[in-house]
Amino acid sequence: GTYLVTGIVQIQESGAGGNDQYFFRFYDATAAAAIADSERYLSPFPASKYGQAVLSNVITVASGSTIQIHGYNSTAARGTAISTATSISYVRLY
């Protein structure tokens, strides 16, 4: 089916530094492949602040799939994505 998938990733930047660069994307764990055109970028991100990255894509899958959010901080290991405040949801379109 075809789904509208939305992910919200909560980020906390370290107090020791700022201006980190975060990248996020949807990943189909069943097919072991990144979802095309789903990558989002968040930067610069100020020190000691919270923020959100929002991902939203229309995704078509042939059968039951597990969709995940993958992300990384490409600048340093100072900030973090807060897993307990991160969400993913979907609506079947057709």
PDB file of N, CA and C in Angstrom:
ATOM      1  N   GLY A   1       0.817  -1.190   0.000  1.00  0.00           N
ATOM      2  CA  GLY A   1       0.000   0.000   0.000  1.00  0.00           C
ATOM      3  C   GLY A   1       0.860   1.253   0.000  1.00  0.00           C
ATOM      4  N   THR A   2       0.176   2.376  -0.028  1.00  0.00           N
ATOM      5  CA  THR A   2       0.837   3.679  -0.012  1.00  0.00           C
ATOM      6  C   THR A   2       0.473   4.397   1.283  1.00  0.00           C
ATOM      7  N   TYR A   3       1.464   4.936   1.953  1.00  0.00           N
ATOM      8  CA  TYR A   3       1.289   5.531   3.269  1.00  0.00           C
ATOM      9  C   TYR A   3       1.931   6.916   3.345  1.00  0.00           C
ATOM     10  N   LEU A   4       1.330   7.779   4.141  1.00  0.00           N
ATOM     11  CA  LEU A   4       1.978   9.024   4.541  1.00  0.00           C
ATOM     12  C   LEU A   4       2.640   8.725   5.880  1.00  0.00           C
ATOM     13  N   VAL A   5       3.962   8.774   5.913  1.00  0.00           N
ATOM     14  CA  VAL A   5       4.727   8.462   7.120  1.00  0.00           C
ATOM     15  C   VAL A   5       5.351   9.753   7.635  1.00  0.00           C
ATOM     16  N   THR A   6       5.154  10.015   8.925  1.00  0.00           N
ATOM     17  CA  THR A   6       5.684  11.227   9.550  1.00  0.00           C
ATOM     18  C   THR A   6       6.495  10.853  10.771  1.00  0.00           C
ATOM     19  N   GLY A   7       7.685  11.414  10.870  1.00  0.00           N
ATOM     20  CA  GLY A   7       8.541  11.190  12.024  1.00  0.00           C
ATOM     21  C   GLY A   7       8.951  12.516  12.629  1.00  0.00           C
ATOM     22  N   ILE A   8       8.973  12.571  13.947  1.00  0.00           N
ATOM     23  CA  ILE A   8       9.440  13.763  14.665  1.00  0.00           C
ATOM     24  C   ILE A   8      10.552  13.317  15.593  1.00  0.00           C
ATOM     25  N   VAL A   9      11.738  13.883  15.398  1.00  0.00           N
ATOM     26  CA  VAL A   9      12.909  13.522  16.198  1.00  0.00           C
ATOM     27  C   VAL A   9      13.252  14.692  17.114  1.00  0.00           C
ATOM     28  N   GLN A  10      13.262  14.434  18.404  1.00  0.00           N
ATOM     29  CA  GLN A  10      13.623  15.451  19.396  1.00  0.00           C
ATOM     30  C   GLN A  10      15.134  15.426  19.584  1.00  0.00           C
ATOM     31  N   ILE A  11      15.756  16.606  19.584  1.00  0.00           N
ATOM     32  CA  ILE A  11      17.217  16.720  19.688  1.00  0.00           C
ATOM     33  C   ILE A  11      17.579  17.585  20.880  1.00  0.00           C
ATOM     34  N   GLN A  12      18.636  17.203  21.583  1.00  0.00           N
ATOM     35  CA  GLN A  12      19.193  18.023  22.655  1.00  0.00           C
ATOM     36  C   GLN A  12      20.658  18.252  22.351  1.00  0.00           C
ATOM     37  N   GLU A  13      21.036  19.499  22.196  1.00  0.00           N
ATOM     38  CA  GLU A  13      22.437  19.847  21.926  1.00  0.00           C
ATOM     39  C   GLU A  13      23.183  19.985  23.242  1.00  0.00           C
ATOM     40  N   SER A  14      24.423  19.616  23.233  1.00  0.00           N
ATOM     41  CA  SER A  14      25.286  19.700  24.407  1.00  0.00           C
ATOM     42  C   SER A  14      25.504  21.156  24.814  1.00  0.00           C
ATOM     43  N   GLY A  15      25.720  21.350  26.115  1.00  0.00           N
ATOM     44  CA  GLY A  15      26.036  22.692  26.601  1.00  0.00           C
ATOM     45  C   GLY A  15      27.465  23.091  26.300  1.00  0.00           C
ATOM     46  N   ALA A  16      28.317  22.109  26.008  1.00  0.00           N
ATOM     47  CA  ALA A  16      29.739  22.377  25.776  1.00  0.00           C
ATOM     48  C   ALA A  16      30.019  22.902  24.374  1.00  0.00           C
ATOM     49  N   GLY A  17      29.124  22.687  23.462  1.00  0.00           N
ATOM     50  CA  GLY A  17      29.378  23.123  22.095  1.00  0.00           C
ATOM     51  C   GLY A  17      28.085  23.206  21.321  1.00  0.00           C
ATOM     52  N   GLY A  18      28.158  23.849  20.204  1.00  0.00           N
ATOM     53  CA  GLY A  18      26.967  23.973  19.372  1.00  0.00           C
ATOM     54  C   GLY A  18      27.328  23.827  17.912  1.00  0.00           C
ATOM     55  N   ASN A  19      26.374  24.162  17.071  1.00  0.00           N
ATOM     56  CA  ASN A  19      26.554  24.158  15.620  1.00  0.00           C
ATOM     57  C   ASN A  19      26.790  22.773  15.033  1.00  0.00           C
ATOM     58  N   ASP A  20      26.244  21.759  15.698  1.00  0.00           N
ATOM     59  CA  ASP A  20      26.344  20.409  15.142  1.00  0.00           C
ATOM     60  C   ASP A  20      25.415  20.262  13.941  1.00  0.00           C
ATOM     61  N   GLN A  21      25.702  19.277  13.123  1.00  0.00           N
ATOM     62  CA  GLN A  21      24.907  18.979  11.930  1.00  0.00           C
ATOM     63  C   GLN A  21      24.273  17.601  12.101  1.00  0.00           C
ATOM     64  N   TYR A  22      22.938  17.561  12.031  1.00  0.00           N
ATOM     65  CA  TYR A  22      22.195  16.314  12.199  1.00  0.00           C
ATOM     66  C   TYR A  22      21.554  15.918  10.879  1.00  0.00           C
ATOM     67  N   PHE A  23      21.583  14.633  10.585  1.00  0.00           N
ATOM     68  CA  PHE A  23      20.947  14.080   9.395  1.00  0.00           C
ATOM     69  C   PHE A  23      20.010  12.959   9.828  1.00  0.00           C
ATOM     70  N   PHE A  24      18.815  12.912   9.224  1.00  0.00           N
ATOM     71  CA  PHE A  24      17.831  11.874   9.524  1.00  0.00           C
ATOM     72  C   PHE A  24      17.215  11.393   8.225  1.00  0.00           C
ATOM     73  N   ARG A  25      16.763  10.134   8.213  1.00  0.00           N
ATOM     74  CA  ARG A  25      16.077   9.586   7.044  1.00  0.00           C
ATOM     75  C   ARG A  25      15.206   8.409   7.473  1.00  0.00           C
ATOM     76  N   PHE A  26      14.224   8.091   6.626  1.00  0.00           N
ATOM     77  CA  PHE A  26      13.444   6.885   6.820  1.00  0.00           C
ATOM     78  C   PHE A  26      14.211   5.717   6.221  1.00  0.00           C
ATOM     79  N   TYR A  27      14.078   4.575   6.866  1.00  0.00           N
ATOM     80  CA  TYR A  27      14.781   3.369   6.440  1.00  0.00           C
ATOM     81  C   TYR A  27      13.808   2.194   6.481  1.00  0.00           C
ATOM     82  N   ASP A  28      13.729   1.451   5.386  1.00  0.00           N
ATOM     83  CA  ASP A  28      12.889   0.254   5.315  1.00  0.00           C
ATOM     84  C   ASP A  28      13.733  -0.932   5.787  1.00  0.00           C
ATOM     85  N   ALA A  29      13.524  -1.345   7.037  1.00  0.00           N
ATOM     86  CA  ALA A  29      14.326  -2.433   7.616  1.00  0.00           C
ATOM     87  C   ALA A  29      14.019  -3.773   6.960  1.00  0.00           C
ATOM     88  N   THR A  30      12.818  -3.945   6.441  1.00  0.00           N
ATOM     89  CA  THR A  30      12.444  -5.192   5.781  1.00  0.00           C
ATOM     90  C   THR A  30      13.211  -5.365   4.473  1.00  0.00           C
ATOM     91  N   ALA A  31      13.331  -4.280   3.722  1.00  0.00           N
ATOM     92  CA  ALA A  31      14.041  -4.318   2.438  1.00  0.00           C
ATOM     93  C   ALA A  31      15.522  -3.970   2.588  1.00  0.00           C
ATOM     94  N   ALA A  32      15.946  -3.590   3.798  1.00  0.00           N
ATOM     95  CA  ALA A  32      17.336  -3.174   4.070  1.00  0.00           C
ATOM     96  C   ALA A  32      17.775  -2.071   3.113  1.00  0.00           C
ATOM     97  N   ALA A  33      16.943  -1.020   3.034  1.00  0.00           N
ATOM     98  CA  ALA A  33      17.254   0.084   2.118  1.00  0.00           C
ATOM     99  C   ALA A  33      16.698   1.400   2.659  1.00  0.00           C
ATOM    100  N   ALA A  34      17.436   2.468   2.401  1.00  0.00           N
ATOM    101  CA  ALA A  34      16.954   3.802   2.748  1.00  0.00           C
ATOM    102  C   ALA A  34      15.784   4.168   1.840  1.00  0.00           C
ATOM    103  N   ILE A  35      14.856   4.947   2.366  1.00  0.00           N
ATOM    104  CA  ILE A  35      13.728   5.437   1.576  1.00  0.00           C
ATOM    105  C   ILE A  35      14.203   6.640   0.769  1.00  0.00           C
ATOM    106  N   ALA A  36      14.041   6.576  -0.536  1.00  0.00           N
ATOM    107  CA  ALA A  36      14.511   7.641  -1.431  1.00  0.00           C
ATOM    108  C   ALA A  36      13.897   8.992  -1.063  1.00  0.00           C
ATOM    109  N   ASP A  37      14.710  10.018  -1.128  1.00  0.00           N
ATOM    110  CA  ASP A  37      14.290  11.414  -0.901  1.00  0.00           C
ATOM    111  C   ASP A  37      13.709  11.669   0.486  1.00  0.00           C
ATOM    112  N   SER A  38      14.128  10.907   1.482  1.00  0.00           N
ATOM    113  CA  SER A  38      13.582  11.115   2.825  1.00  0.00           C
ATOM    114  C   SER A  38      14.561  11.802   3.773  1.00  0.00           C
ATOM    115  N   GLU A  39      15.796  12.037   3.349  1.00  0.00           N
ATOM    116  CA  GLU A  39      16.792  12.602   4.262  1.00  0.00           C
ATOM    117  C   GLU A  39      16.495  14.066   4.579  1.00  0.00           C
ATOM    118  N   ARG A  40      16.640  14.407   5.862  1.00  0.00           N
ATOM    119  CA  ARG A  40      16.471  15.774   6.346  1.00  0.00           C
ATOM    120  C   ARG A  40      17.737  16.170   7.089  1.00  0.00           C
ATOM    121  N   TYR A  41      18.016  17.479   7.067  1.00  0.00           N
ATOM    122  CA  TYR A  41      19.246  18.031   7.618  1.00  0.00           C
ATOM    123  C   TYR A  41      18.878  19.136   8.590  1.00  0.00           C
ATOM    124  N   LEU A  42      19.526  19.177   9.739  1.00  0.00           N
ATOM    125  CA  LEU A  42      19.271  20.219  10.738  1.00  0.00           C
ATOM    126  C   LEU A  42      20.601  20.782  11.202  1.00  0.00           C
ATOM    127  N   SER A  43      20.848  22.065  10.906  1.00  0.00           N
ATOM    128  CA  SER A  43      22.093  22.721  11.299  1.00  0.00           C
ATOM    129  C   SER A  43      22.006  24.196  10.950  1.00  0.00           C
ATOM    130  N   PRO A  44      22.736  25.084  11.569  1.00  0.00           N
ATOM    131  CA  PRO A  44      23.487  24.853  12.803  1.00  0.00           C
ATOM    132  C   PRO A  44      22.524  24.789  13.974  1.00  0.00           C
ATOM    133  N   PHE A  45      22.914  24.062  14.985  1.00  0.00           N
ATOM    134  CA  PHE A  45      22.056  23.863  16.143  1.00  0.00           C
ATOM    135  C   PHE A  45      22.779  24.446  17.350  1.00  0.00           C
ATOM    136  N   PRO A  46      22.206  25.445  18.024  1.00  0.00           N
ATOM    137  CA  PRO A  46      22.909  26.149  19.107  1.00  0.00           C
ATOM    138  C   PRO A  46      23.116  25.299  20.356  1.00  0.00           C
ATOM    139  N   ALA A  47      24.154  25.623  21.123  1.00  0.00           N
ATOM    140  CA  ALA A  47      24.489  24.901  22.350  1.00  0.00           C
ATOM    141  C   ALA A  47      23.359  24.994  23.368  1.00  0.00           C
ATOM    142  N   SER A  48      23.186  23.917  24.127  1.00  0.00           N
ATOM    143  CA  SER A  48      22.226  23.840  25.241  1.00  0.00           C
ATOM    144  C   SER A  48      20.781  24.070  24.827  1.00  0.00           C
ATOM    145  N   LYS A  49      20.415  23.738  23.605  1.00  0.00           N
ATOM    146  CA  LYS A  49      19.049  23.946  23.127  1.00  0.00           C
ATOM    147  C   LYS A  49      18.408  22.623  22.722  1.00  0.00           C
ATOM    148  N   TYR A  50      17.095  22.639  22.690  1.00  0.00           N
ATOM    149  CA  TYR A  50      16.308  21.519  22.197  1.00  0.00           C
ATOM    150  C   TYR A  50      15.710  21.901  20.848  1.00  0.00           C
ATOM    151  N   GLY A  51      15.466  20.909  20.020  1.00  0.00           N
ATOM    152  CA  GLY A  51      14.845  21.175  18.729  1.00  0.00           C
ATOM    153  C   GLY A  51      14.214  19.917  18.179  1.00  0.00           C
ATOM    154  N   GLN A  52      13.581  20.076  17.023  1.00  0.00           N
ATOM    155  CA  GLN A  52      12.931  18.937  16.383  1.00  0.00           C
ATOM    156  C   GLN A  52      13.253  18.911  14.905  1.00  0.00           C
ATOM    157  N   ALA A  53      13.436  17.712  14.406  1.00  0.00           N
ATOM    158  CA  ALA A  53      13.530  17.478  12.971  1.00  0.00           C
ATOM    159  C   ALA A  53      12.259  16.737  12.576  1.00  0.00           C
ATOM    160  N   VAL A  54      11.595  17.207  11.524  1.00  0.00           N
ATOM    161  CA  VAL A  54      10.351  16.592  11.066  1.00  0.00           C
ATOM    162  C   VAL A  54      10.581  15.976   9.694  1.00  0.00           C
ATOM    163  N   LEU A  55      10.234  14.705   9.571  1.00  0.00           N
ATOM    164  CA  LEU A  55      10.324  13.983   8.306  1.00  0.00           C
ATOM    165  C   LEU A  55       8.906  13.609   7.897  1.00  0.00           C
ATOM    166  N   SER A  56       8.568  13.786   6.637  1.00  0.00           N
ATOM    167  CA  SER A  56       7.249  13.397   6.152  1.00  0.00           C
ATOM    168  C   SER A  56       7.374  12.990   4.692  1.00  0.00           C
ATOM    169  N   ASN A  57       6.997  11.745   4.401  1.00  0.00           N
ATOM    170  CA  ASN A  57       7.110  11.217   3.045  1.00  0.00           C
ATOM    171  C   ASN A  57       5.932  10.322   2.716  1.00  0.00           C
ATOM    172  N   VAL A  58       5.576  10.282   1.444  1.00  0.00           N
ATOM    173  CA  VAL A  58       4.633   9.292   0.948  1.00  0.00           C
ATOM    174  C   VAL A  58       5.469   8.098   0.508  1.00  0.00           C
ATOM    175  N   ILE A  59       5.185   6.938   1.103  1.00  0.00           N
ATOM    176  CA  ILE A  59       5.984   5.737   0.888  1.00  0.00           C
ATOM    177  C   ILE A  59       5.072   4.626   0.383  1.00  0.00           C
ATOM    178  N   THR A  60       5.513   3.939  -0.672  1.00  0.00           N
ATOM    179  CA  THR A  60       4.767   2.791  -1.192  1.00  0.00           C
ATOM    180  C   THR A  60       5.575   1.530  -0.950  1.00  0.00           C
ATOM    181  N   VAL A  61       4.927   0.548  -0.342  1.00  0.00           N
ATOM    182  CA  VAL A  61       5.572  -0.739  -0.076  1.00  0.00           C
ATOM    183  C   VAL A  61       4.695  -1.848  -0.647  1.00  0.00           C
ATOM    184  N   ALA A  62       5.332  -2.910  -1.125  1.00  0.00           N
ATOM    185  CA  ALA A  62       4.605  -4.026  -1.746  1.00  0.00           C
ATOM    186  C   ALA A  62       3.985  -4.942  -0.712  1.00  0.00           C
ATOM    187  N   SER A  63       4.590  -5.043   0.455  1.00  0.00           N
ATOM    188  CA  SER A  63       4.066  -5.922   1.501  1.00  0.00           C
ATOM    189  C   SER A  63       4.393  -5.304   2.852  1.00  0.00           C
ATOM    190  N   GLY A  64       4.074  -6.009   3.930  1.00  0.00           N
ATOM    191  CA  GLY A  64       4.347  -5.492   5.260  1.00  0.00           C
ATOM    192  C   GLY A  64       5.808  -5.121   5.435  1.00  0.00           C
ATOM    193  N   SER A  65       6.056  -3.903   5.854  1.00  0.00           N
ATOM    194  CA  SER A  65       7.430  -3.418   6.021  1.00  0.00           C
ATOM    195  C   SER A  65       7.582  -2.739   7.368  1.00  0.00           C
ATOM    196  N   THR A  66       8.780  -2.785   7.895  1.00  0.00           N
ATOM    197  CA  THR A  66       9.113  -2.062   9.112  1.00  0.00           C
ATOM    198  C   THR A  66       9.895  -0.821   8.719  1.00  0.00           C
ATOM    199  N   ILE A  67       9.322   0.348   8.995  1.00  0.00           N
ATOM    200  CA  ILE A  67       9.971   1.618   8.664  1.00  0.00           C
ATOM    201  C   ILE A  67      10.577   2.190   9.941  1.00  0.00           C
ATOM    202  N   GLN A  68      11.830   2.588   9.862  1.00  0.00           N
ATOM    203  CA  GLN A  68      12.561   3.142  10.996  1.00  0.00           C
ATOM    204  C   GLN A  68      13.060   4.538  10.650  1.00  0.00           C
ATOM    205  N   ILE A  69      13.478   5.273  11.670  1.00  0.00           N
ATOM    206  CA  ILE A  69      14.175   6.543  11.464  1.00  0.00           C
ATOM    207  C   ILE A  69      15.635   6.298  11.808  1.00  0.00           C
ATOM    208  N   HIS A  70      16.512   6.577  10.867  1.00  0.00           N
ATOM    209  CA  HIS A  70      17.954   6.518  11.113  1.00  0.00           C
ATOM    210  C   HIS A  70      18.482   7.942  11.161  1.00  0.00           C
ATOM    211  N   GLY A  71      19.445   8.187  12.043  1.00  0.00           N
ATOM    212  CA  GLY A  71      20.009   9.523  12.140  1.00  0.00           C
ATOM    213  C   GLY A  71      21.414   9.503  12.670  1.00  0.00           C
ATOM    214  N   TYR A  72      22.111  10.585  12.432  1.00  0.00           N
ATOM    215  CA  TYR A  72      23.457  10.724  12.985  1.00  0.00           C
ATOM    216  C   TYR A  72      23.841  12.190  13.097  1.00  0.00           C
ATOM    217  N   ASN A  73      24.795  12.444  13.978  1.00  0.00           N
ATOM    218  CA  ASN A  73      25.380  13.764  14.166  1.00  0.00           C
ATOM    219  C   ASN A  73      26.717  13.726  13.440  1.00  0.00           C
ATOM    220  N   SER A  74      26.840  14.440  12.338  1.00  0.00           N
ATOM    221  CA  SER A  74      28.047  14.345  11.521  1.00  0.00           C
ATOM    222  C   SER A  74      29.190  15.219  12.018  1.00  0.00           C
ATOM    223  N   THR A  75      28.935  16.080  12.977  1.00  0.00           N
ATOM    224  CA  THR A  75      29.949  17.018  13.427  1.00  0.00           C
ATOM    225  C   THR A  75      30.748  16.486  14.604  1.00  0.00           C
ATOM    226  N   ALA A  76      30.060  16.009  15.628  1.00  0.00           N
ATOM    227  CA  ALA A  76      30.713  15.529  16.850  1.00  0.00           C
ATOM    228  C   ALA A  76      29.698  14.721  17.640  1.00  0.00           C
ATOM    229  N   ALA A  77      30.151  14.127  18.705  1.00  0.00           N
ATOM    230  CA  ALA A  77      29.256  13.334  19.540  1.00  0.00           C
ATOM    231  C   ALA A  77      28.752  14.148  20.724  1.00  0.00           C
ATOM    232  N   ARG A  78      28.488  15.426  20.508  1.00  0.00           N
ATOM    233  CA  ARG A  78      28.077  16.285  21.622  1.00  0.00           C
ATOM    234  C   ARG A  78      26.579  16.223  21.870  1.00  0.00           C
ATOM    235  N   GLY A  79      25.784  16.352  20.825  1.00  0.00           N
ATOM    236  CA  GLY A  79      24.331  16.352  20.984  1.00  0.00           C
ATOM    237  C   GLY A  79      23.763  14.972  20.779  1.00  0.00           C
ATOM    238  N   THR A  80      22.462  14.849  21.040  1.00  0.00           N
ATOM    239  CA  THR A  80      21.851  13.534  20.932  1.00  0.00           C
ATOM    240  C   THR A  80      20.397  13.644  20.491  1.00  0.00           C
ATOM    241  N   ALA A  81      19.921  12.586  19.868  1.00  0.00           N
ATOM    242  CA  ALA A  81      18.491  12.443  19.593  1.00  0.00           C
ATOM    243  C   ALA A  81      17.891  11.742  20.811  1.00  0.00           C
ATOM    244  N   ILE A  82      16.760  12.230  21.277  1.00  0.00           N
ATOM    245  CA  ILE A  82      16.124  11.686  22.475  1.00  0.00           C
ATOM    246  C   ILE A  82      15.085  10.656  22.028  1.00  0.00           C
ATOM    247  N   SER A  83      15.412   9.386  22.175  1.00  0.00           N
ATOM    248  CA  SER A  83      14.556   8.323  21.643  1.00  0.00           C
ATOM    249  C   SER A  83      13.176   8.302  22.292  1.00  0.00           C
ATOM    250  N   THR A  84      13.084   8.614  23.579  1.00  0.00           N
ATOM    251  CA  THR A  84      11.790   8.563  24.265  1.00  0.00           C
ATOM    252  C   THR A  84      10.869   9.715  23.879  1.00  0.00           C
ATOM    253  N   ALA A  85      11.406  10.730  23.203  1.00  0.00           N
ATOM    254  CA  ALA A  85      10.595  11.866  22.758  1.00  0.00           C
ATOM    255  C   ALA A  85      10.471  11.896  21.238  1.00  0.00           C
ATOM    256  N   THR A  86      10.906  10.829  20.583  1.00  0.00           N
ATOM    257  CA  THR A  86      10.855  10.727  19.129  1.00  0.00           C
ATOM    258  C   THR A  86       9.678   9.838  18.738  1.00  0.00           C
ATOM    259  N   SER A  87       8.984  10.225  17.657  1.00  0.00           N
ATOM    260  CA  SER A  87       7.808   9.442  17.266  1.00  0.00           C
ATOM    261  C   SER A  87       7.775   9.225  15.755  1.00  0.00           C
ATOM    262  N   ILE A  88       7.067   8.185  15.365  1.00  0.00           N
ATOM    263  CA  ILE A  88       6.821   7.897  13.956  1.00  0.00           C
ATOM    264  C   ILE A  88       5.367   7.435  13.849  1.00  0.00           C
ATOM    265  N   SER A  89       4.664   7.941  12.831  1.00  0.00           N
ATOM    266  CA  SER A  89       3.267   7.562  12.655  1.00  0.00           C
ATOM    267  C   SER A  89       2.990   7.442  11.154  1.00  0.00           C
ATOM    268  N   TYR A  90       1.886   6.788  10.821  1.00  0.00           N
ATOM    269  CA  TYR A  90       1.542   6.608   9.405  1.00  0.00           C
ATOM    270  C   TYR A  90       0.039   6.589   9.218  1.00  0.00           C
ATOM    271  N   VAL A  91      -0.359   6.957   7.999  1.00  0.00           N
ATOM    272  CA  VAL A  91      -1.749   6.889   7.578  1.00  0.00           C
ATOM    273  C   VAL A  91      -1.776   6.207   6.217  1.00  0.00           C
ATOM    274  N   ARG A  92      -2.599   5.186   6.071  1.00  0.00           N
ATOM    275  CA  ARG A  92      -2.702   4.504   4.775  1.00  0.00           C
ATOM    276  C   ARG A  92      -3.514   5.387   3.838  1.00  0.00           C
ATOM    277  N   LEU A  93      -2.939   5.688   2.668  1.00  0.00           N
ATOM    278  CA  LEU A  93      -3.610   6.533   1.684  1.00  0.00           C
ATOM    279  C   LEU A  93      -4.438   5.707   0.713  1.00  0.00           C
ATOM    280  N   TYR A  94      -3.879   4.627   0.210  1.00  0.00           N
ATOM    281  CA  TYR A  94      -4.584   3.700  -0.696  1.00  0.00           C
ATOM    282  C   TYR A  94      -3.766   2.460  -0.903  1.00  0.00           C
TER     283      TYR A  94
END
